[in-house]
Amino acid sequence: MSEHELDGNAMAGDLREVFAVDVTTAVATCGGCGEPSVVARLRVWGPAPGLVARCPSCDDVVLRLVRGPERAWLDLRGAVSLQVAMPPLSTVAEG
């Protein structure tokens, strides 16, 4: 890794503000090669003007994250899907 390259964990704080779950544990399937990879394993460049996460298998861009003072932009065009583990839904007690 170069001095400007980090792993997907570098996005954890920013992604946590956007999502209610820890997205670094989600599985992103690369649109280029079809390889599934945990977001934490993506290779990230940044920080300015934003973060760019690339597939560890083929180096295609999987996602981009740009953070402004009052909003964030998340571009997932390079991901075929993003599989996020969620806590089980609560069952409503009948009665």
C-alpha atoms as a PDB file:
ATOM      1  CA  MET A   1       0.000   0.000   0.000  1.00  0.00           C
ATOM      2  CA  SER A   2       1.171   3.520  -0.761  1.00  0.00           C
ATOM      3  CA  GLU A   3       1.060   6.386   1.750  1.00  0.00           C
ATOM      4  CA  HIS A   4      -2.240   7.579   0.192  1.00  0.00           C
ATOM      5  CA  GLU A   5      -3.853   4.132   0.063  1.00  0.00           C
ATOM      6  CA  LEU A   6      -5.797   2.860   3.068  1.00  0.00           C
ATOM      7  CA  ASP A   7      -8.210  -0.026   3.570  1.00  0.00           C
ATOM      8  CA  GLY A   8     -12.011   0.198   3.747  1.00  0.00           C
ATOM      9  CA  ASN A   9     -11.917   0.831   7.493  1.00  0.00           C
ATOM     10  CA  ALA A  10     -10.815   4.405   6.708  1.00  0.00           C
ATOM     11  CA  MET A  11     -14.436   5.082   5.704  1.00  0.00           C
ATOM     12  CA  ALA A  12     -16.011   3.704   8.892  1.00  0.00           C
ATOM     13  CA  GLY A  13     -16.758   7.001  10.637  1.00  0.00           C
ATOM     14  CA  ASP A  14     -18.185   8.717   7.563  1.00  0.00           C
ATOM     15  CA  LEU A  15     -20.267   5.686   6.559  1.00  0.00           C
ATOM     16  CA  ARG A  16     -21.581   5.280  10.110  1.00  0.00           C
ATOM     17  CA  GLU A  17     -22.988   8.804   9.911  1.00  0.00           C
ATOM     18  CA  VAL A  18     -24.799   7.933   6.672  1.00  0.00           C
ATOM     19  CA  PHE A  19     -26.009   4.439   7.627  1.00  0.00           C
ATOM     20  CA  ALA A  20     -27.464   3.080  10.852  1.00  0.00           C
ATOM     21  CA  VAL A  21     -25.353  -0.084  10.566  1.00  0.00           C
ATOM     22  CA  ASP A  22     -21.618  -0.671  10.228  1.00  0.00           C
ATOM     23  CA  VAL A  23     -21.282  -0.790   6.432  1.00  0.00           C
ATOM     24  CA  THR A  24     -17.633  -1.880   6.600  1.00  0.00           C
ATOM     25  CA  THR A  25     -18.948  -5.397   7.370  1.00  0.00           C
ATOM     26  CA  ALA A  26     -21.273  -5.339   4.324  1.00  0.00           C
ATOM     27  CA  VAL A  27     -20.355  -7.326   1.211  1.00  0.00           C
ATOM     28  CA  ALA A  28     -19.999  -5.288  -1.980  1.00  0.00           C
ATOM     29  CA  THR A  29     -20.042  -7.215  -5.249  1.00  0.00           C
ATOM     30  CA  CYS A  30     -17.780  -5.549  -7.811  1.00  0.00           C
ATOM     31  CA  GLY A  31     -19.468  -4.483 -11.038  1.00  0.00           C
ATOM     32  CA  GLY A  32     -16.229  -5.083 -12.954  1.00  0.00           C
ATOM     33  CA  CYS A  33     -15.186  -8.604 -12.000  1.00  0.00           C
ATOM     34  CA  GLY A  34     -18.153  -9.829  -9.938  1.00  0.00           C
ATOM     35  CA  GLU A  35     -15.957 -10.584  -6.926  1.00  0.00           C
ATOM     36  CA  PRO A  36     -17.707 -10.130  -3.563  1.00  0.00           C
ATOM     37  CA  SER A  37     -15.626  -8.333  -0.933  1.00  0.00           C
ATOM     38  CA  VAL A  38     -16.272  -7.046   2.566  1.00  0.00           C
ATOM     39  CA  VAL A  39     -16.182  -3.226   2.386  1.00  0.00           C
ATOM     40  CA  ALA A  40     -13.376  -3.187   4.977  1.00  0.00           C
ATOM     41  CA  ARG A  41     -11.178  -5.040   2.434  1.00  0.00           C
ATOM     42  CA  LEU A  42     -11.674  -2.461  -0.331  1.00  0.00           C
ATOM     43  CA  ARG A  43      -8.603  -0.368  -1.150  1.00  0.00           C
ATOM     44  CA  VAL A  44      -9.327   3.282  -0.371  1.00  0.00           C
ATOM     45  CA  TRP A  45      -7.694   6.458  -1.644  1.00  0.00           C
ATOM     46  CA  GLY A  46      -8.362   9.891  -0.205  1.00  0.00           C
ATOM     47  CA  PRO A  47      -9.197  12.054   1.560  1.00  0.00           C
ATOM     48  CA  ALA A  48      -9.571  15.004  -0.841  1.00  0.00           C
ATOM     49  CA  PRO A  49     -11.878  15.680  -2.543  1.00  0.00           C
ATOM     50  CA  GLY A  50     -13.414  12.455  -1.227  1.00  0.00           C
ATOM     51  CA  LEU A  51     -12.754   8.771  -0.653  1.00  0.00           C
ATOM     52  CA  VAL A  52     -12.527   6.306  -3.549  1.00  0.00           C
ATOM     53  CA  ALA A  53     -12.767   2.578  -2.762  1.00  0.00           C
ATOM     54  CA  ARG A  54     -11.462   0.063  -5.291  1.00  0.00           C
ATOM     55  CA  CYS A  55     -11.939  -3.691  -5.655  1.00  0.00           C
ATOM     56  CA  PRO A  56      -9.006  -5.636  -4.181  1.00  0.00           C
ATOM     57  CA  SER A  57      -9.298  -8.174  -7.031  1.00  0.00           C
ATOM     58  CA  CYS A  58      -9.490  -6.047 -10.209  1.00  0.00           C
ATOM     59  CA  ASP A  59      -8.879  -2.459  -8.988  1.00  0.00           C
ATOM     60  CA  ASP A  60     -12.193  -1.129 -10.435  1.00  0.00           C
ATOM     61  CA  VAL A  61     -13.880   1.651  -8.459  1.00  0.00           C
ATOM     62  CA  VAL A  62     -16.639   0.137  -6.301  1.00  0.00           C
ATOM     63  CA  LEU A  63     -17.774   3.206  -4.360  1.00  0.00           C
ATOM     64  CA  ARG A  64     -17.058   6.865  -3.821  1.00  0.00           C
ATOM     65  CA  LEU A  65     -17.843   8.951  -0.745  1.00  0.00           C
ATOM     66  CA  VAL A  66     -17.636  12.742  -0.612  1.00  0.00           C
ATOM     67  CA  ARG A  67     -18.427  14.532   2.621  1.00  0.00           C
ATOM     68  CA  GLY A  68     -19.504  18.178   2.801  1.00  0.00           C
ATOM     69  CA  PRO A  69     -20.310  20.306   5.851  1.00  0.00           C
ATOM     70  CA  GLU A  70     -23.994  19.339   5.906  1.00  0.00           C
ATOM     71  CA  ARG A  71     -24.372  16.351   3.580  1.00  0.00           C
ATOM     72  CA  ALA A  72     -22.620  13.364   2.048  1.00  0.00           C
ATOM     73  CA  TRP A  73     -22.657  11.892  -1.450  1.00  0.00           C
ATOM     74  CA  LEU A  74     -22.294   8.134  -1.849  1.00  0.00           C
ATOM     75  CA  ASP A  75     -21.799   6.729  -5.352  1.00  0.00           C
ATOM     76  CA  LEU A  76     -22.248   2.946  -5.582  1.00  0.00           C
ATOM     77  CA  ARG A  77     -22.187   2.672  -9.402  1.00  0.00           C
ATOM     78  CA  GLY A  78     -19.250   0.276  -9.243  1.00  0.00           C
ATOM     79  CA  ALA A  79     -21.094  -2.186  -6.998  1.00  0.00           C
ATOM     80  CA  VAL A  80     -23.566  -4.698  -8.393  1.00  0.00           C
ATOM     81  CA  SER A  81     -24.973  -5.066  -4.884  1.00  0.00           C
ATOM     82  CA  LEU A  82     -24.278  -4.169  -1.276  1.00  0.00           C
ATOM     83  CA  GLN A  83     -25.322  -6.885   1.160  1.00  0.00           C
ATOM     84  CA  VAL A  84     -25.784  -5.498   4.682  1.00  0.00           C
ATOM     85  CA  ALA A  85     -26.298  -7.691   7.747  1.00  0.00           C
ATOM     86  CA  MET A  86     -29.244  -6.420   9.772  1.00  0.00           C
ATOM     87  CA  PRO A  87     -30.456  -7.331  13.237  1.00  0.00           C
ATOM     88  CA  PRO A  88     -33.497  -9.610  13.173  1.00  0.00           C
ATOM     89  CA  LEU A  89     -36.862  -7.889  13.072  1.00  0.00           C
ATOM     90  CA  SER A  90     -38.713  -7.853  16.377  1.00  0.00           C
ATOM     91  CA  THR A  91     -41.862  -9.885  16.414  1.00  0.00           C
ATOM     92  CA  VAL A  92     -44.943  -8.015  17.476  1.00  0.00           C
ATOM     93  CA  ALA A  93     -46.682  -9.683  20.389  1.00  0.00           C
ATOM     94  CA  GLU A  94     -50.295 -10.480  19.643  1.00  0.00           C
ATOM     95  CA  GLY A  95     -52.731  -9.679  22.258  1.00  0.00           C
END
